[in-house]
């Protein structure tokens, strides 16, 4: 008969559970109702680019290092959602 391995001889990292890497991000859940969050998102109020610093970091991550000023951010904020996506697609390097 075949001899099986004992439980103590195998190296294991612990129980085989599904692990999500990193913390769960429950952004904007303070607002409570899911319908309210959906409507706020459609209006563009829950965008992470409504903050100047996060917008500036997003521009730098896409390769734009120069000519990042507050006046350009003010122009960006009033764009529609489609126009904002196009802005990041066509960003100058």
PDB file of N, CA and C in Angstrom:
ATOM      1  N   UNK A   1       0.830  -1.177   0.000  1.00  0.00           N
ATOM      2  CA  UNK A   1       0.000   0.000   0.000  1.00  0.00           C
ATOM      3  C   UNK A   1       0.875   1.241   0.000  1.00  0.00           C
ATOM      4  N   UNK A   2       0.352   2.289  -0.606  1.00  0.00           N
ATOM      5  CA  UNK A   2       1.086   3.556  -0.653  1.00  0.00           C
ATOM      6  C   UNK A   2       1.031   4.228   0.699  1.00  0.00           C
ATOM      7  N   UNK A   3       2.113   4.832   1.002  1.00  0.00           N
ATOM      8  CA  UNK A   3       2.200   5.498   2.299  1.00  0.00           C
ATOM      9  C   UNK A   3       1.946   6.994   2.099  1.00  0.00           C
ATOM     10  N   UNK A   4       0.994   7.572   2.780  1.00  0.00           N
ATOM     11  CA  UNK A   4       0.672   8.985   2.646  1.00  0.00           C
ATOM     12  C   UNK A   4       1.569   9.850   3.511  1.00  0.00           C
ATOM     13  N   UNK A   5       1.630  11.111   3.158  1.00  0.00           N
ATOM     14  CA  UNK A   5       2.429  12.049   3.948  1.00  0.00           C
ATOM     15  C   UNK A   5       1.684  12.389   5.234  1.00  0.00           C
ATOM     16  N   UNK A   6       2.414  12.585   6.258  1.00  0.00           N
ATOM     17  CA  UNK A   6       1.821  13.013   7.511  1.00  0.00           C
ATOM     18  C   UNK A   6       1.519  14.503   7.465  1.00  0.00           C
ATOM     19  N   UNK A   7       0.650  14.956   8.279  1.00  0.00           N
ATOM     20  CA  UNK A   7       0.276  16.359   8.300  1.00  0.00           C
ATOM     21  C   UNK A   7       1.396  17.274   8.764  1.00  0.00           C
ATOM     22  N   UNK A   8       2.294  16.768   9.561  1.00  0.00           N
ATOM     23  CA  UNK A   8       3.357  17.605  10.118  1.00  0.00           C
ATOM     24  C   UNK A   8       4.524  17.779   9.154  1.00  0.00           C
ATOM     25  N   UNK A   9       4.652  16.912   8.146  1.00  0.00           N
ATOM     26  CA  UNK A   9       5.815  16.993   7.265  1.00  0.00           C
ATOM     27  C   UNK A   9       5.640  18.011   6.154  1.00  0.00           C
ATOM     28  N   UNK A  10       4.421  18.349   5.801  1.00  0.00           N
ATOM     29  CA  UNK A  10       4.219  19.311   4.715  1.00  0.00           C
ATOM     30  C   UNK A  10       4.322  20.734   5.265  1.00  0.00           C
ATOM     31  N   UNK A  11       4.907  21.597   4.457  1.00  0.00           N
ATOM     32  CA  UNK A  11       5.056  22.992   4.857  1.00  0.00           C
ATOM     33  C   UNK A  11       3.822  23.738   4.388  1.00  0.00           C
ATOM     34  N   UNK A  12       3.167  24.406   5.292  1.00  0.00           N
ATOM     35  CA  UNK A  12       1.943  25.109   4.963  1.00  0.00           C
ATOM     36  C   UNK A  12       1.970  26.493   5.594  1.00  0.00           C
ATOM     37  N   UNK A  13       1.361  27.435   4.899  1.00  0.00           N
ATOM     38  CA  UNK A  13       1.307  28.800   5.425  1.00  0.00           C
ATOM     39  C   UNK A  13       0.072  29.019   6.277  1.00  0.00           C
ATOM     40  N   UNK A  14      -0.662  27.986   6.507  1.00  0.00           N
ATOM     41  CA  UNK A  14      -1.870  28.122   7.306  1.00  0.00           C
ATOM     42  C   UNK A  14      -3.068  27.632   6.529  1.00  0.00           C
ATOM     43  N   UNK A  15      -4.255  27.910   6.997  1.00  0.00           N
ATOM     44  CA  UNK A  15      -5.444  27.445   6.291  1.00  0.00           C
ATOM     45  C   UNK A  15      -5.581  28.115   4.923  1.00  0.00           C
ATOM     46  N   UNK A  16      -6.090  27.388   3.983  1.00  0.00           N
ATOM     47  CA  UNK A  16      -6.235  27.898   2.616  1.00  0.00           C
ATOM     48  C   UNK A  16      -7.533  28.703   2.501  1.00  0.00           C
ATOM     49  N   UNK A  17      -7.440  29.960   2.830  1.00  0.00           N
ATOM     50  CA  UNK A  17      -8.579  30.856   2.743  1.00  0.00           C
ATOM     51  C   UNK A  17      -8.328  31.861   1.639  1.00  0.00           C
ATOM     52  N   UNK A  18      -9.355  32.344   1.048  1.00  0.00           N
ATOM     53  CA  UNK A  18      -9.210  33.362   0.010  1.00  0.00           C
ATOM     54  C   UNK A  18      -8.768  34.662   0.660  1.00  0.00           C
ATOM     55  N   UNK A  19      -7.678  35.214   0.176  1.00  0.00           N
ATOM     56  CA  UNK A  19      -7.163  36.450   0.763  1.00  0.00           C
ATOM     57  C   UNK A  19      -7.290  37.574  -0.240  1.00  0.00           C
ATOM     58  N   UNK A  20      -7.926  38.632   0.154  1.00  0.00           N
ATOM     59  CA  UNK A  20      -7.942  39.848  -0.644  1.00  0.00           C
ATOM     60  C   UNK A  20      -6.708  40.632  -0.270  1.00  0.00           C
ATOM     61  N   UNK A  21      -5.945  41.031  -1.255  1.00  0.00           N
ATOM     62  CA  UNK A  21      -4.710  41.738  -0.976  1.00  0.00           C
ATOM     63  C   UNK A  21      -5.010  43.198  -0.686  1.00  0.00           C
ATOM     64  N   UNK A  22      -4.590  43.654   0.433  1.00  0.00           N
ATOM     65  CA  UNK A  22      -4.800  45.038   0.814  1.00  0.00           C
ATOM     66  C   UNK A  22      -6.148  45.245   1.476  1.00  0.00           C
ATOM     67  N   UNK A  23      -6.318  46.410   2.059  1.00  0.00           N
ATOM     68  CA  UNK A  23      -7.589  46.690   2.739  1.00  0.00           C
ATOM     69  C   UNK A  23      -8.716  46.950   1.748  1.00  0.00           C
ATOM     70  N   UNK A  24      -9.916  46.697   2.172  1.00  0.00           N
ATOM     71  CA  UNK A  24     -11.067  47.001   1.330  1.00  0.00           C
ATOM     72  C   UNK A  24     -11.296  48.512   1.366  1.00  0.00           C
ATOM     73  N   UNK A  25     -11.580  49.053   0.214  1.00  0.00           N
ATOM     74  CA  UNK A  25     -11.790  50.497   0.132  1.00  0.00           C
ATOM     75  C   UNK A  25     -13.275  50.756  -0.014  1.00  0.00           C
ATOM     76  N   UNK A  26     -13.879  51.204   1.019  1.00  0.00           N
ATOM     77  CA  UNK A  26     -15.300  51.535   0.976  1.00  0.00           C
ATOM     78  C   UNK A  26     -15.421  53.048   0.942  1.00  0.00           C
ATOM     79  N   UNK A  27     -15.088  53.599  -0.218  1.00  0.00           N
ATOM     80  CA  UNK A  27     -15.113  55.041  -0.372  1.00  0.00           C
ATOM     81  C   UNK A  27     -16.543  55.554  -0.387  1.00  0.00           C
ATOM     82  N   UNK A  28     -16.762  56.667   0.234  1.00  0.00           N
ATOM     83  CA  UNK A  28     -18.021  57.395   0.208  1.00  0.00           C
ATOM     84  C   UNK A  28     -19.179  56.610   0.825  1.00  0.00           C
ATOM     85  N   UNK A  29     -18.915  55.647   1.688  1.00  0.00           N
ATOM     86  CA  UNK A  29     -20.000  54.921   2.323  1.00  0.00           C
ATOM     87  C   UNK A  29     -20.569  55.686   3.509  1.00  0.00           C
ATOM     88  N   UNK A  30     -19.981  56.834   3.839  1.00  0.00           N
ATOM     89  CA  UNK A  30     -20.542  57.651   4.914  1.00  0.00           C
ATOM     90  C   UNK A  30     -21.885  58.240   4.503  1.00  0.00           C
ATOM     91  N   UNK A  31     -22.093  58.362   3.186  1.00  0.00           N
ATOM     92  CA  UNK A  31     -23.324  58.972   2.708  1.00  0.00           C
ATOM     93  C   UNK A  31     -24.522  58.059   2.881  1.00  0.00           C
ATOM     94  N   UNK A  32     -24.293  56.808   3.231  1.00  0.00           N
ATOM     95  CA  UNK A  32     -25.390  55.926   3.585  1.00  0.00           C
ATOM     96  C   UNK A  32     -26.064  55.264   2.405  1.00  0.00           C
ATOM     97  N   UNK A  33     -27.127  55.836   1.944  1.00  0.00           N
ATOM     98  CA  UNK A  33     -27.989  55.220   0.946  1.00  0.00           C
ATOM     99  C   UNK A  33     -27.261  55.034  -0.383  1.00  0.00           C
ATOM    100  N   UNK A  34     -27.390  53.843  -0.959  1.00  0.00           N
ATOM    101  CA  UNK A  34     -26.724  53.533  -2.227  1.00  0.00           C
ATOM    102  C   UNK A  34     -27.255  54.415  -3.358  1.00  0.00           C
ATOM    103  N   UNK A  35     -28.535  54.702  -3.352  1.00  0.00           N
ATOM    104  CA  UNK A  35     -29.137  55.515  -4.412  1.00  0.00           C
ATOM    105  C   UNK A  35     -28.565  56.927  -4.387  1.00  0.00           C
ATOM    106  N   UNK A  36     -28.352  57.460  -3.202  1.00  0.00           N
ATOM    107  CA  UNK A  36     -27.765  58.797  -3.081  1.00  0.00           C
ATOM    108  C   UNK A  36     -26.344  58.793  -3.635  1.00  0.00           C
ATOM    109  N   UNK A  37     -25.565  57.749  -3.315  1.00  0.00           N
ATOM    110  CA  UNK A  37     -24.198  57.656  -3.823  1.00  0.00           C
ATOM    111  C   UNK A  37     -24.173  57.556  -5.341  1.00  0.00           C
ATOM    112  N   UNK A  38     -25.114  56.817  -5.905  1.00  0.00           N
ATOM    113  CA  UNK A  38     -25.172  56.674  -7.365  1.00  0.00           C
ATOM    114  C   UNK A  38     -25.466  58.016  -8.019  1.00  0.00           C
ATOM    115  N   UNK A  39     -26.410  58.745  -7.475  1.00  0.00           N
ATOM    116  CA  UNK A  39     -26.756  60.052  -8.047  1.00  0.00           C
ATOM    117  C   UNK A  39     -25.617  61.057  -7.888  1.00  0.00           C
ATOM    118  N   UNK A  40     -24.941  61.034  -6.740  1.00  0.00           N
ATOM    119  CA  UNK A  40     -23.800  61.929  -6.550  1.00  0.00           C
ATOM    120  C   UNK A  40     -22.670  61.585  -7.516  1.00  0.00           C
ATOM    121  N   UNK A  41     -22.469  60.304  -7.764  1.00  0.00           N
ATOM    122  CA  UNK A  41     -21.427  59.886  -8.705  1.00  0.00           C
ATOM    123  C   UNK A  41     -21.773  60.304 -10.127  1.00  0.00           C
ATOM    124  N   UNK A  42     -23.042  60.196 -10.497  1.00  0.00           N
ATOM    125  CA  UNK A  42     -23.462  60.635 -11.836  1.00  0.00           C
ATOM    126  C   UNK A  42     -23.239  62.130 -12.023  1.00  0.00           C
ATOM    127  N   UNK A  43     -23.401  62.877 -10.948  1.00  0.00           N
ATOM    128  CA  UNK A  43     -23.181  64.320 -11.014  1.00  0.00           C
ATOM    129  C   UNK A  43     -21.694  64.670 -11.010  1.00  0.00           C
ATOM    130  N   UNK A  44     -20.839  63.681 -10.731  1.00  0.00           N
ATOM    131  CA  UNK A  44     -19.402  63.913 -10.730  1.00  0.00           C
ATOM    132  C   UNK A  44     -18.864  64.456  -9.428  1.00  0.00           C
ATOM    133  N   UNK A  45     -19.661  64.400  -8.371  1.00  0.00           N
ATOM    134  CA  UNK A  45     -19.235  64.963  -7.093  1.00  0.00           C
ATOM    135  C   UNK A  45     -18.351  64.022  -6.288  1.00  0.00           C
ATOM    136  N   UNK A  46     -18.323  62.734  -6.641  1.00  0.00           N
ATOM    137  CA  UNK A  46     -17.518  61.778  -5.897  1.00  0.00           C
ATOM    138  C   UNK A  46     -16.213  61.453  -6.614  1.00  0.00           C
ATOM    139  N   UNK A  47     -15.829  62.278  -7.528  1.00  0.00           N
ATOM    140  CA  UNK A  47     -14.592  62.050  -8.268  1.00  0.00           C
ATOM    141  C   UNK A  47     -13.390  62.345  -7.388  1.00  0.00           C
ATOM    142  N   UNK A  48     -12.362  61.551  -7.531  1.00  0.00           N
ATOM    143  CA  UNK A  48     -11.165  61.812  -6.741  1.00  0.00           C
ATOM    144  C   UNK A  48     -10.377  62.982  -7.299  1.00  0.00           C
ATOM    145  N   UNK A  49     -10.766  63.486  -8.463  1.00  0.00           N
ATOM    146  CA  UNK A  49     -10.047  64.597  -9.071  1.00  0.00           C
ATOM    147  C   UNK A  49     -10.672  65.949  -8.726  1.00  0.00           C
ATOM    148  N   UNK A  50     -11.573  66.012  -7.768  1.00  0.00           N
ATOM    149  CA  UNK A  50     -12.120  67.295  -7.319  1.00  0.00           C
ATOM    150  C   UNK A  50     -11.158  68.005  -6.380  1.00  0.00           C
ATOM    151  N   UNK A  51     -10.123  67.330  -5.950  1.00  0.00           N
ATOM    152  CA  UNK A  51      -9.104  67.897  -5.077  1.00  0.00           C
ATOM    153  C   UNK A  51      -7.882  68.252  -5.927  1.00  0.00           C
ATOM    154  N   UNK A  52      -7.335  69.444  -5.729  1.00  0.00           N
ATOM    155  CA  UNK A  52      -6.208  69.913  -6.553  1.00  0.00           C
ATOM    156  C   UNK A  52      -4.984  69.013  -6.418  1.00  0.00           C
ATOM    157  N   UNK A  53      -4.678  68.575  -5.202  1.00  0.00           N
ATOM    158  CA  UNK A  53      -3.482  67.762  -4.995  1.00  0.00           C
ATOM    159  C   UNK A  53      -3.600  66.409  -5.683  1.00  0.00           C
ATOM    160  N   UNK A  54      -4.753  65.748  -5.581  1.00  0.00           N
ATOM    161  CA  UNK A  54      -4.918  64.445  -6.229  1.00  0.00           C
ATOM    162  C   UNK A  54      -4.911  64.590  -7.754  1.00  0.00           C
ATOM    163  N   UNK A  55      -5.477  65.684  -8.259  1.00  0.00           N
ATOM    164  CA  UNK A  55      -5.436  65.937  -9.702  1.00  0.00           C
ATOM    165  C   UNK A  55      -4.001  66.154 -10.168  1.00  0.00           C
ATOM    166  N   UNK A  56      -3.243  66.915  -9.402  1.00  0.00           N
ATOM    167  CA  UNK A  56      -1.855  67.183  -9.757  1.00  0.00           C
ATOM    168  C   UNK A  56      -1.037  65.887  -9.764  1.00  0.00           C
ATOM    169  N   UNK A  57      -1.248  65.015  -8.782  1.00  0.00           N
ATOM    170  CA  UNK A  57      -0.553  63.736  -8.740  1.00  0.00           C
ATOM    171  C   UNK A  57      -0.945  62.843  -9.908  1.00  0.00           C
ATOM    172  N   UNK A  58      -2.219  62.892 -10.311  1.00  0.00           N
ATOM    173  CA  UNK A  58      -2.674  62.098 -11.459  1.00  0.00           C
ATOM    174  C   UNK A  58      -2.010  62.587 -12.741  1.00  0.00           C
ATOM    175  N   UNK A  59      -1.863  63.891 -12.884  1.00  0.00           N
ATOM    176  CA  UNK A  59      -1.184  64.443 -14.065  1.00  0.00           C
ATOM    177  C   UNK A  59       0.279  64.034 -14.082  1.00  0.00           C
ATOM    178  N   UNK A  60       0.924  64.095 -12.940  1.00  0.00           N
ATOM    179  CA  UNK A  60       2.326  63.718 -12.876  1.00  0.00           C
ATOM    180  C   UNK A  60       2.518  62.238 -13.151  1.00  0.00           C
ATOM    181  N   UNK A  61       1.586  61.410 -12.709  1.00  0.00           N
ATOM    182  CA  UNK A  61       1.683  59.968 -12.951  1.00  0.00           C
ATOM    183  C   UNK A  61       1.526  59.647 -14.430  1.00  0.00           C
ATOM    184  N   UNK A  62       0.823  60.495 -15.160  1.00  0.00           N
ATOM    185  CA  UNK A  62       0.637  60.276 -16.594  1.00  0.00           C
ATOM    186  C   UNK A  62       1.726  60.949 -17.421  1.00  0.00           C
ATOM    187  N   UNK A  63       2.703  61.537 -16.768  1.00  0.00           N
ATOM    188  CA  UNK A  63       3.853  62.071 -17.469  1.00  0.00           C
ATOM    189  C   UNK A  63       3.906  63.572 -17.613  1.00  0.00           C
ATOM    190  N   UNK A  64       2.901  64.278 -17.166  1.00  0.00           N
ATOM    191  CA  UNK A  64       2.920  65.735 -17.269  1.00  0.00           C
ATOM    192  C   UNK A  64       3.593  66.298 -16.030  1.00  0.00           C
ATOM    193  N   UNK A  65       4.774  66.838 -16.203  1.00  0.00           N
ATOM    194  CA  UNK A  65       5.538  67.311 -15.061  1.00  0.00           C
ATOM    195  C   UNK A  65       5.592  68.838 -14.992  1.00  0.00           C
ATOM    196  N   UNK A  66       5.425  69.493 -16.120  1.00  0.00           N
ATOM    197  CA  UNK A  66       5.534  70.954 -16.164  1.00  0.00           C
ATOM    198  C   UNK A  66       4.160  71.572 -16.413  1.00  0.00           C
ATOM    199  N   UNK A  67       4.069  72.846 -16.175  1.00  0.00           N
ATOM    200  CA  UNK A  67       2.862  73.631 -16.460  1.00  0.00           C
ATOM    201  C   UNK A  67       1.625  73.105 -15.748  1.00  0.00           C
ATOM    202  N   UNK A  68       1.773  72.671 -14.518  1.00  0.00           N
ATOM    203  CA  UNK A  68       0.622  72.258 -13.713  1.00  0.00           C
ATOM    204  C   UNK A  68       0.335  73.412 -12.764  1.00  0.00           C
ATOM    205  N   UNK A  69      -0.752  74.118 -13.032  1.00  0.00           N
ATOM    206  CA  UNK A  69      -1.076  75.262 -12.179  1.00  0.00           C
ATOM    207  C   UNK A  69      -2.546  75.236 -11.802  1.00  0.00           C
ATOM    208  N   UNK A  70      -2.914  76.084 -10.894  1.00  0.00           N
ATOM    209  CA  UNK A  70      -4.273  76.140 -10.356  1.00  0.00           C
ATOM    210  C   UNK A  70      -5.283  76.564 -11.420  1.00  0.00           C
ATOM    211  N   UNK A  71      -4.888  77.421 -12.356  1.00  0.00           N
ATOM    212  CA  UNK A  71      -5.809  77.888 -13.390  1.00  0.00           C
ATOM    213  C   UNK A  71      -6.228  76.727 -14.295  1.00  0.00           C
ATOM    214  N   UNK A  72      -5.290  75.839 -14.599  1.00  0.00           N
ATOM    215  CA  UNK A  72      -5.632  74.675 -15.432  1.00  0.00           C
ATOM    216  C   UNK A  72      -6.555  73.720 -14.677  1.00  0.00           C
ATOM    217  N   UNK A  73      -6.347  73.601 -13.377  1.00  0.00           N
ATOM    218  CA  UNK A  73      -7.228  72.766 -12.568  1.00  0.00           C
ATOM    219  C   UNK A  73      -8.639  73.342 -12.541  1.00  0.00           C
ATOM    220  N   UNK A  74      -8.764  74.660 -12.441  1.00  0.00           N
ATOM    221  CA  UNK A  74     -10.082  75.289 -12.448  1.00  0.00           C
ATOM    222  C   UNK A  74     -10.813  75.033 -13.761  1.00  0.00           C
ATOM    223  N   UNK A  75     -10.075  74.984 -14.874  1.00  0.00           N
ATOM    224  CA  UNK A  75     -10.687  74.649 -16.161  1.00  0.00           C
ATOM    225  C   UNK A  75     -11.111  73.185 -16.196  1.00  0.00           C
ATOM    226  N   UNK A  76     -10.322  72.316 -15.567  1.00  0.00           N
ATOM    227  CA  UNK A  76     -10.608  70.883 -15.553  1.00  0.00           C
ATOM    228  C   UNK A  76     -11.864  70.558 -14.754  1.00  0.00           C
ATOM    229  N   UNK A  77     -12.065  71.244 -13.650  1.00  0.00           N
ATOM    230  CA  UNK A  77     -13.181  70.939 -12.747  1.00  0.00           C
ATOM    231  C   UNK A  77     -14.532  71.137 -13.418  1.00  0.00           C
ATOM    232  N   UNK A  78     -14.654  72.107 -14.308  1.00  0.00           N
ATOM    233  CA  UNK A  78     -15.950  72.395 -14.921  1.00  0.00           C
ATOM    234  C   UNK A  78     -16.254  71.494 -16.114  1.00  0.00           C
ATOM    235  N   UNK A  79     -15.325  70.617 -16.509  1.00  0.00           N
ATOM    236  CA  UNK A  79     -15.567  69.717 -17.639  1.00  0.00           C
ATOM    237  C   UNK A  79     -16.568  68.635 -17.258  1.00  0.00           C
ATOM    238  N   UNK A  80     -17.237  68.088 -18.261  1.00  0.00           N
ATOM    239  CA  UNK A  80     -18.137  66.968 -18.012  1.00  0.00           C
ATOM    240  C   UNK A  80     -17.309  65.695 -17.816  1.00  0.00           C
ATOM    241  N   UNK A  81     -17.971  64.608 -17.451  1.00  0.00           N
ATOM    242  CA  UNK A  81     -17.272  63.361 -17.174  1.00  0.00           C
ATOM    243  C   UNK A  81     -16.556  62.829 -18.416  1.00  0.00           C
ATOM    244  N   UNK A  82     -17.211  62.893 -19.566  1.00  0.00           N
ATOM    245  CA  UNK A  82     -16.588  62.434 -20.817  1.00  0.00           C
ATOM    246  C   UNK A  82     -15.374  63.299 -21.162  1.00  0.00           C
ATOM    247  N   UNK A  83     -15.517  64.587 -20.980  1.00  0.00           N
ATOM    248  CA  UNK A  83     -14.416  65.501 -21.289  1.00  0.00           C
ATOM    249  C   UNK A  83     -13.236  65.285 -20.349  1.00  0.00           C
ATOM    250  N   UNK A  84     -13.524  64.939 -19.096  1.00  0.00           N
ATOM    251  CA  UNK A  84     -12.442  64.654 -18.149  1.00  0.00           C
ATOM    252  C   UNK A  84     -11.665  63.411 -18.560  1.00  0.00           C
ATOM    253  N   UNK A  85     -12.379  62.386 -19.026  1.00  0.00           N
ATOM    254  CA  UNK A  85     -11.708  61.171 -19.494  1.00  0.00           C
ATOM    255  C   UNK A  85     -10.839  61.471 -20.707  1.00  0.00           C
ATOM    256  N   UNK A  86     -11.352  62.287 -21.617  1.00  0.00           N
ATOM    257  CA  UNK A  86     -10.584  62.667 -22.801  1.00  0.00           C
ATOM    258  C   UNK A  86      -9.371  63.506 -22.414  1.00  0.00           C
ATOM    259  N   UNK A  87      -9.522  64.327 -21.399  1.00  0.00           N
ATOM    260  CA  UNK A  87      -8.408  65.154 -20.939  1.00  0.00           C
ATOM    261  C   UNK A  87      -7.232  64.274 -20.508  1.00  0.00           C
ATOM    262  N   UNK A  88      -7.539  63.229 -19.737  1.00  0.00           N
ATOM    263  CA  UNK A  88      -6.469  62.358 -19.271  1.00  0.00           C
ATOM    264  C   UNK A  88      -5.916  61.477 -20.389  1.00  0.00           C
ATOM    265  N   UNK A  89      -6.729  61.163 -21.401  1.00  0.00           N
ATOM    266  CA  UNK A  89      -6.221  60.388 -22.535  1.00  0.00           C
ATOM    267  C   UNK A  89      -5.247  61.219 -23.359  1.00  0.00           C
ATOM    268  N   UNK A  90      -5.554  62.503 -23.541  1.00  0.00           N
ATOM    269  CA  UNK A  90      -4.774  63.361 -24.416  1.00  0.00           C
ATOM    270  C   UNK A  90      -3.827  64.287 -23.657  1.00  0.00           C
ATOM    271  N   UNK A  91      -3.430  63.888 -22.480  1.00  0.00           N
ATOM    272  CA  UNK A  91      -2.596  64.762 -21.662  1.00  0.00           C
ATOM    273  C   UNK A  91      -1.203  64.906 -22.310  1.00  0.00           C
ATOM    274  N   UNK A  92      -0.689  66.114 -22.254  1.00  0.00           N
ATOM    275  CA  UNK A  92       0.631  66.399 -22.838  1.00  0.00           C
ATOM    276  C   UNK A  92       1.715  65.810 -21.956  1.00  0.00           C
ATOM    277  N   UNK A  93       2.740  65.337 -22.599  1.00  0.00           N
ATOM    278  CA  UNK A  93       3.873  64.797 -21.828  1.00  0.00           C
ATOM    279  C   UNK A  93       5.015  65.760 -21.887  1.00  0.00           C
TER     280      UNK A  93
END
